C-alpha atoms as a PDB file:
ATOM      1  CA  MET A   1    -136.886 -43.305  86.415  1.00  0.00           C
ATOM      2  CA  LYS A   2    -134.779 -40.993  84.262  1.00  0.00           C
ATOM      3  CA  LYS A   3    -131.667 -41.623  86.408  1.00  0.00           C
ATOM      4  CA  SER A   4    -132.034 -45.388  86.096  1.00  0.00           C
ATOM      5  CA  LYS A   5    -132.106 -45.096  82.283  1.00  0.00           C
ATOM      6  CA  ILE A   6    -128.951 -42.973  82.364  1.00  0.00           C
ATOM      7  CA  TYR A   7    -127.206 -45.515  84.616  1.00  0.00           C
ATOM      8  CA  LEU A   8    -128.286 -48.320  82.318  1.00  0.00           C
ATOM      9  CA  LEU A   9    -126.925 -46.410  79.318  1.00  0.00           C
ATOM     10  CA  TYR A  10    -123.595 -45.811  81.101  1.00  0.00           C
ATOM     11  CA  ALA A  11    -123.337 -49.486  82.031  1.00  0.00           C
ATOM     12  CA  PHE A  12    -123.996 -50.505  78.424  1.00  0.00           C
ATOM     13  CA  LEU A  13    -121.389 -48.066  77.078  1.00  0.00           C
ATOM     14  CA  ILE A  14    -118.767 -49.211  79.567  1.00  0.00           C
ATOM     15  CA  LEU A  15    -119.398 -52.838  78.643  1.00  0.00           C
ATOM     16  CA  LEU A  16    -119.247 -52.054  74.934  1.00  0.00           C
ATOM     17  CA  LEU A  17    -116.032 -50.034  75.178  1.00  0.00           C
ATOM     18  CA  HIS A  18    -114.354 -52.603  77.405  1.00  0.00           C
ATOM     19  CA  SER A  19    -115.084 -55.460  75.002  1.00  0.00           C
ATOM     20  CA  CYS A  20    -113.824 -53.459  72.015  1.00  0.00           C
ATOM     21  CA  ALA A  21    -110.594 -52.612  73.833  1.00  0.00           C
ATOM     22  CA  SER A  22    -109.957 -56.281  74.618  1.00  0.00           C
ATOM     23  CA  LEU A  23    -110.410 -57.263  70.976  1.00  0.00           C
ATOM     24  CA  SER A  24    -108.094 -54.497  69.849  1.00  0.00           C
ATOM     25  CA  VAL A  25    -105.303 -55.599  72.180  1.00  0.00           C
ATOM     26  CA  ALA A  26    -105.759 -59.267  71.246  1.00  0.00           C
ATOM     27  CA  ASN A  27    -105.467 -58.421  67.546  1.00  0.00           C
ATOM     28  CA  MET A  28    -102.427 -56.296  68.237  1.00  0.00           C
ATOM     29  CA  THR A  29    -100.772 -59.244  69.997  1.00  0.00           C
ATOM     30  CA  SER A  30    -101.526 -61.526  67.049  1.00  0.00           C
ATOM     31  CA  PHE A  31    -100.142 -58.881  64.681  1.00  0.00           C
ATOM     32  CA  LYS A  32     -96.933 -58.691  66.705  1.00  0.00           C
ATOM     33  CA  MET A  33     -96.553 -62.476  66.863  1.00  0.00           C
ATOM     34  CA  ASN A  34     -96.765 -62.678  63.068  1.00  0.00           C
ATOM     35  CA  LYS A  35     -93.655 -60.476  62.821  1.00  0.00           C
ATOM     36  CA  ILE A  36     -91.502 -62.961  64.750  1.00  0.00           C
ATOM     37  CA  GLU A  37     -89.075 -65.093  62.726  1.00  0.00           C
ATOM     38  CA  LEU A  38     -86.503 -67.714  63.619  1.00  0.00           C
ATOM     39  CA  GLY A  39     -82.965 -66.354  63.752  1.00  0.00           C
ATOM     40  CA  MET A  40     -84.012 -62.928  65.041  1.00  0.00           C
ATOM     41  CA  SER A  41     -81.903 -61.444  67.785  1.00  0.00           C
ATOM     42  CA  LYS A  42     -83.226 -61.146  71.315  1.00  0.00           C
ATOM     43  CA  GLU A  43     -83.277 -57.365  70.858  1.00  0.00           C
ATOM     44  CA  GLN A  44     -85.389 -57.622  67.695  1.00  0.00           C
ATOM     45  CA  VAL A  45     -87.933 -59.869  69.436  1.00  0.00           C
ATOM     46  CA  THR A  46     -88.176 -57.648  72.515  1.00  0.00           C
ATOM     47  CA  ASP A  47     -88.508 -54.570  70.291  1.00  0.00           C
ATOM     48  CA  ILE A  48     -91.544 -56.190  68.642  1.00  0.00           C
ATOM     49  CA  LEU A  49     -93.197 -57.740  71.708  1.00  0.00           C
ATOM     50  CA  GLY A  50     -92.144 -55.231  74.346  1.00  0.00           C
ATOM     51  CA  SER A  51     -90.247 -55.497  77.596  1.00  0.00           C
ATOM     52  CA  ASP A  52     -93.022 -57.141  79.628  1.00  0.00           C
ATOM     53  CA  TYR A  53     -91.326 -60.544  79.786  1.00  0.00           C
ATOM     54  CA  THR A  54     -89.814 -62.829  82.393  1.00  0.00           C
ATOM     55  CA  ILE A  55     -86.531 -64.664  82.026  1.00  0.00           C
ATOM     56  CA  ALA A  56     -87.775 -68.214  82.584  1.00  0.00           C
ATOM     57  CA  GLU A  57     -84.389 -69.875  82.207  1.00  0.00           C
ATOM     58  CA  LYS A  58     -80.770 -69.033  81.493  1.00  0.00           C
ATOM     59  CA  ARG A  59     -78.021 -71.645  81.183  1.00  0.00           C
ATOM     60  CA  PHE A  60     -74.983 -72.752  79.232  1.00  0.00           C
ATOM     61  CA  GLU A  61     -74.865 -75.914  77.139  1.00  0.00           C
ATOM     62  CA  GLY A  62     -71.180 -76.275  76.434  1.00  0.00           C
ATOM     63  CA  SER A  63     -70.184 -72.945  74.907  1.00  0.00           C
ATOM     64  CA  ASN A  64     -73.761 -72.045  73.903  1.00  0.00           C
ATOM     65  CA  GLU A  65     -75.800 -69.601  75.975  1.00  0.00           C
ATOM     66  CA  ILE A  66     -79.459 -70.645  76.223  1.00  0.00           C
ATOM     67  CA  GLU A  67     -82.015 -68.097  77.414  1.00  0.00           C
ATOM     68  CA  VAL A  68     -85.782 -68.612  77.587  1.00  0.00           C
ATOM     69  CA  LEU A  69     -88.103 -65.608  77.734  1.00  0.00           C
ATOM     70  CA  SER A  70     -91.711 -65.947  78.833  1.00  0.00           C
ATOM     71  CA  TYR A  71     -94.430 -63.596  77.599  1.00  0.00           C
ATOM     72  CA  ARG A  72     -97.909 -63.814  79.077  1.00  0.00           C
ATOM     73  CA  ASP A  73    -101.022 -62.966  77.049  1.00  0.00           C
ATOM     74  CA  HIS A  74    -103.682 -61.855  79.538  1.00  0.00           C
ATOM     75  CA  TYR A  75    -106.186 -60.988  76.806  1.00  0.00           C
ATOM     76  CA  GLU A  76    -106.676 -64.370  75.181  1.00  0.00           C
ATOM     77  CA  ASN A  77    -107.188 -67.318  77.533  1.00  0.00           C
ATOM     78  CA  ASP A  78    -104.352 -66.201  79.815  1.00  0.00           C
ATOM     79  CA  GLU A  79    -101.808 -68.071  77.666  1.00  0.00           C
ATOM     80  CA  PHE A  80     -98.075 -67.680  77.808  1.00  0.00           C
ATOM     81  CA  TYR A  81     -95.408 -68.057  75.153  1.00  0.00           C
ATOM     82  CA  LEU A  82     -91.835 -69.250  75.571  1.00  0.00           C
ATOM     83  CA  PHE A  83     -89.073 -67.973  73.306  1.00  0.00           C
ATOM     84  CA  VAL A  84     -85.823 -69.950  73.278  1.00  0.00           C
ATOM     85  CA  PHE A  85     -82.672 -68.075  72.310  1.00  0.00           C
ATOM     86  CA  LYS A  86     -79.376 -69.787  71.562  1.00  0.00           C
ATOM     87  CA  ASN A  87     -76.470 -67.342  71.635  1.00  0.00           C
ATOM     88  CA  LYS A  88     -78.991 -64.454  71.548  1.00  0.00           C
ATOM     89  CA  LYS A  89     -80.694 -65.753  68.355  1.00  0.00           C
ATOM     90  CA  LEU A  90     -84.268 -67.066  68.340  1.00  0.00           C
ATOM     91  CA  GLU A  91     -84.132 -70.829  67.928  1.00  0.00           C
ATOM     92  CA  LYS A  92     -87.787 -71.713  68.599  1.00  0.00           C
ATOM     93  CA  TRP A  93     -90.938 -70.565  70.369  1.00  0.00           C
ATOM     94  CA  TYR A  94     -94.065 -72.235  71.617  1.00  0.00           C
END
């Protein structure tokens, strides 16, 4: 009987700590996204968001280099964000 109460307490604590950690990371991602501004360099964006990205596309349009980075947010609805750079400057994201 006493062991089952201890196991139940451990299960509750693990669940509680796991849910708090997820909220903390989700808020941190939102905080980072709010720092992003158009015209930033690719280096500035990757310094803010980290290096966990995928190069989704890289091409030339005339003399302009277009590069699209993809960041995946596993903590909120498994969404992903695309950042479009033109000549290494952030042109748009969605």
